Amino acid sequence: MKDKILDWINTRKPVFSQISKLSLITKETLTDVINDCLQDIDGWVSVEDRPKDMQRVLYVCKHGLIDTAQYRADSDRFRVYGLRINPVDITHWKPLPELPRGGND
């Protein structure tokens, strides 16, 4: 995990150099940087940052349920088998991986 964090920091050096030039760094700025780092490491995104419209995602609820859903921006809901799930119950989501290429490889 340490290597992933260092790689993440190295790829964002221009961002950090701009932040370091600021005389006052807000708590929100630092929180955003840390959340971006954690998102890049494990792939989970806070539900406060919504997926793209119609994007299929893996989500986790505050009750521990993990499932897949499609996000609908027009209703600001996640749809699972036609049911609408309120984002209030969801804590994090991550994009589903690409489908496998080829036939029965």
C-alpha atoms as a PDB file:
ATOM      1  CA  MET A   1       0.000   0.000   0.000  1.00  0.00           C
ATOM      2  CA  LYS A   2       2.886   2.364   0.769  1.00  0.00           C
ATOM      3  CA  ASP A   3       4.102   1.993  -2.844  1.00  0.00           C
ATOM      4  CA  LYS A   4       0.643   2.884  -4.163  1.00  0.00           C
ATOM      5  CA  ILE A   5       0.550   6.021  -2.008  1.00  0.00           C
ATOM      6  CA  LEU A   6       4.024   7.072  -3.163  1.00  0.00           C
ATOM      7  CA  ASP A   7       3.095   6.446  -6.808  1.00  0.00           C
ATOM      8  CA  TRP A   8      -0.066   8.497  -6.333  1.00  0.00           C
ATOM      9  CA  ILE A   9       1.906  11.385  -4.812  1.00  0.00           C
ATOM     10  CA  ASN A  10       4.575  11.250  -7.548  1.00  0.00           C
ATOM     11  CA  THR A  11       1.974  11.454 -10.317  1.00  0.00           C
ATOM     12  CA  ARG A  12       0.436  14.515  -8.670  1.00  0.00           C
ATOM     13  CA  LYS A  13       3.547  16.530  -7.849  1.00  0.00           C
ATOM     14  CA  PRO A  14       2.312  19.573  -9.824  1.00  0.00           C
ATOM     15  CA  VAL A  15      -0.850  19.630  -7.699  1.00  0.00           C
ATOM     16  CA  PHE A  16       1.108  19.398  -4.461  1.00  0.00           C
ATOM     17  CA  SER A  17       3.536  22.085  -5.583  1.00  0.00           C
ATOM     18  CA  GLN A  18       0.592  24.428  -6.208  1.00  0.00           C
ATOM     19  CA  ILE A  19      -0.920  23.599  -2.818  1.00  0.00           C
ATOM     20  CA  SER A  20       2.403  24.190  -1.068  1.00  0.00           C
ATOM     21  CA  LYS A  21       2.502  27.726  -2.530  1.00  0.00           C
ATOM     22  CA  LEU A  22      -0.684  28.643  -0.694  1.00  0.00           C
ATOM     23  CA  SER A  23      -0.166  30.484   2.551  1.00  0.00           C
ATOM     24  CA  LEU A  24      -3.312  28.973   4.051  1.00  0.00           C
ATOM     25  CA  ILE A  25      -4.492  25.448   3.345  1.00  0.00           C
ATOM     26  CA  THR A  26      -8.039  24.779   4.426  1.00  0.00           C
ATOM     27  CA  LYS A  27      -9.177  21.638   6.174  1.00  0.00           C
ATOM     28  CA  GLU A  28     -11.450  20.946   3.184  1.00  0.00           C
ATOM     29  CA  THR A  29      -8.510  21.103   0.759  1.00  0.00           C
ATOM     30  CA  LEU A  30      -6.521  18.620   2.813  1.00  0.00           C
ATOM     31  CA  THR A  31      -9.571  16.373   3.170  1.00  0.00           C
ATOM     32  CA  ASP A  32     -10.093  16.442  -0.597  1.00  0.00           C
ATOM     33  CA  VAL A  33      -6.449  15.517  -1.228  1.00  0.00           C
ATOM     34  CA  ILE A  34      -6.616  12.657   1.274  1.00  0.00           C
ATOM     35  CA  ASN A  35      -9.923  11.398  -0.142  1.00  0.00           C
ATOM     36  CA  ASP A  36      -8.501  11.496  -3.675  1.00  0.00           C
ATOM     37  CA  CYS A  37      -5.504   9.514  -2.467  1.00  0.00           C
ATOM     38  CA  LEU A  38      -7.674   6.888  -0.796  1.00  0.00           C
ATOM     39  CA  GLN A  39      -9.974   6.693  -3.806  1.00  0.00           C
ATOM     40  CA  ASP A  40      -7.053   6.051  -6.124  1.00  0.00           C
ATOM     41  CA  ILE A  41      -5.704   3.364  -3.812  1.00  0.00           C
ATOM     42  CA  ASP A  42      -8.787   1.256  -3.246  1.00  0.00           C
ATOM     43  CA  GLY A  43     -11.183   2.543  -5.903  1.00  0.00           C
ATOM     44  CA  TRP A  44     -14.028   3.416  -3.505  1.00  0.00           C
ATOM     45  CA  VAL A  45     -15.620   6.830  -3.989  1.00  0.00           C
ATOM     46  CA  SER A  46     -17.698   8.684  -1.412  1.00  0.00           C
ATOM     47  CA  VAL A  47     -21.361   8.856  -2.384  1.00  0.00           C
ATOM     48  CA  GLU A  48     -21.033  12.636  -2.093  1.00  0.00           C
ATOM     49  CA  ASP A  49     -19.314  12.379  -5.486  1.00  0.00           C
ATOM     50  CA  ARG A  50     -21.952  10.930  -7.772  1.00  0.00           C
ATOM     51  CA  PRO A  51     -21.202   8.551 -10.673  1.00  0.00           C
ATOM     52  CA  LYS A  52     -21.853   9.557 -14.272  1.00  0.00           C
ATOM     53  CA  ASP A  53     -25.431   9.286 -15.464  1.00  0.00           C
ATOM     54  CA  MET A  54     -26.355   5.667 -16.311  1.00  0.00           C
ATOM     55  CA  GLN A  55     -23.026   4.379 -14.960  1.00  0.00           C
ATOM     56  CA  ARG A  56     -23.123   0.870 -13.469  1.00  0.00           C
ATOM     57  CA  VAL A  57     -21.344   0.673 -10.131  1.00  0.00           C
ATOM     58  CA  LEU A  58     -20.629  -1.544  -7.175  1.00  0.00           C
ATOM     59  CA  TYR A  59     -21.967   0.127  -4.040  1.00  0.00           C
ATOM     60  CA  VAL A  60     -21.904  -0.426  -0.288  1.00  0.00           C
ATOM     61  CA  CYS A  61     -24.636   0.663   2.117  1.00  0.00           C
ATOM     62  CA  LYS A  62     -24.188   1.819   5.675  1.00  0.00           C
ATOM     63  CA  HIS A  63     -25.834  -1.484   6.682  1.00  0.00           C
ATOM     64  CA  GLY A  64     -23.017  -3.451   5.003  1.00  0.00           C
ATOM     65  CA  LEU A  65     -24.953  -4.527   1.887  1.00  0.00           C
ATOM     66  CA  ILE A  66     -22.814  -4.656  -1.261  1.00  0.00           C
ATOM     67  CA  ASP A  67     -24.481  -4.896  -4.681  1.00  0.00           C
ATOM     68  CA  THR A  68     -24.421  -3.466  -8.179  1.00  0.00           C
ATOM     69  CA  ALA A  69     -26.650  -0.673  -9.418  1.00  0.00           C
ATOM     70  CA  GLN A  70     -27.038   1.879 -12.177  1.00  0.00           C
ATOM     71  CA  TYR A  71     -26.940   5.544 -11.211  1.00  0.00           C
ATOM     72  CA  ARG A  72     -29.669   7.767 -12.672  1.00  0.00           C
ATOM     73  CA  ALA A  73     -28.819  11.470 -12.511  1.00  0.00           C
ATOM     74  CA  ASP A  74     -32.357  12.597 -13.441  1.00  0.00           C
ATOM     75  CA  SER A  75     -33.742  11.153 -10.186  1.00  0.00           C
ATOM     76  CA  ASP A  76     -30.468  11.175  -8.212  1.00  0.00           C
ATOM     77  CA  ARG A  77     -31.039   7.506  -7.379  1.00  0.00           C
ATOM     78  CA  PHE A  78     -29.260   4.202  -7.786  1.00  0.00           C
ATOM     79  CA  ARG A  79     -31.405   1.573  -9.534  1.00  0.00           C
ATOM     80  CA  VAL A  80     -31.198  -2.106  -8.654  1.00  0.00           C
ATOM     81  CA  TYR A  81     -33.502  -4.410 -10.621  1.00  0.00           C
ATOM     82  CA  GLY A  82     -35.961  -1.551 -11.117  1.00  0.00           C
ATOM     83  CA  LEU A  83     -35.914  -0.490  -7.459  1.00  0.00           C
ATOM     84  CA  ARG A  84     -34.715   2.984  -6.571  1.00  0.00           C
ATOM     85  CA  ILE A  85     -32.196   3.242  -3.755  1.00  0.00           C
ATOM     86  CA  ASN A  86     -31.786   6.554  -2.012  1.00  0.00           C
ATOM     87  CA  PRO A  87     -28.115   7.660  -1.906  1.00  0.00           C
ATOM     88  CA  VAL A  88     -28.615   8.403   1.803  1.00  0.00           C
ATOM     89  CA  ASP A  89     -28.308   4.654   2.461  1.00  0.00           C
ATOM     90  CA  ILE A  90     -25.172   4.305   0.300  1.00  0.00           C
ATOM     91  CA  THR A  91     -21.789   5.298   1.693  1.00  0.00           C
ATOM     92  CA  HIS A  92     -19.396   4.480  -1.185  1.00  0.00           C
ATOM     93  CA  TRP A  93     -19.331   3.210  -4.743  1.00  0.00           C
ATOM     94  CA  LYS A  94     -16.757   2.157  -7.306  1.00  0.00           C
ATOM     95  CA  PRO A  95     -16.942   1.739 -11.074  1.00  0.00           C
ATOM     96  CA  LEU A  96     -17.405  -1.773 -12.343  1.00  0.00           C
ATOM     97  CA  PRO A  97     -14.418  -3.147 -14.250  1.00  0.00           C
ATOM     98  CA  GLU A  98     -14.465  -3.446 -18.017  1.00  0.00           C
ATOM     99  CA  LEU A  99     -16.081  -6.584 -19.405  1.00  0.00           C
ATOM    100  CA  PRO A 100     -13.659  -9.311 -20.455  1.00  0.00           C
ATOM    101  CA  ARG A 101     -12.558  -9.243 -24.079  1.00  0.00           C
ATOM    102  CA  GLY A 102     -12.695 -12.260 -26.330  1.00  0.00           C
ATOM    103  CA  GLY A 103     -14.990 -15.194 -26.168  1.00  0.00           C
ATOM    104  CA  ASN A 104     -14.438 -18.058 -23.810  1.00  0.00           C
ATOM    105  CA  ASP A 105     -10.755 -17.405 -23.161  1.00  0.00           C
END
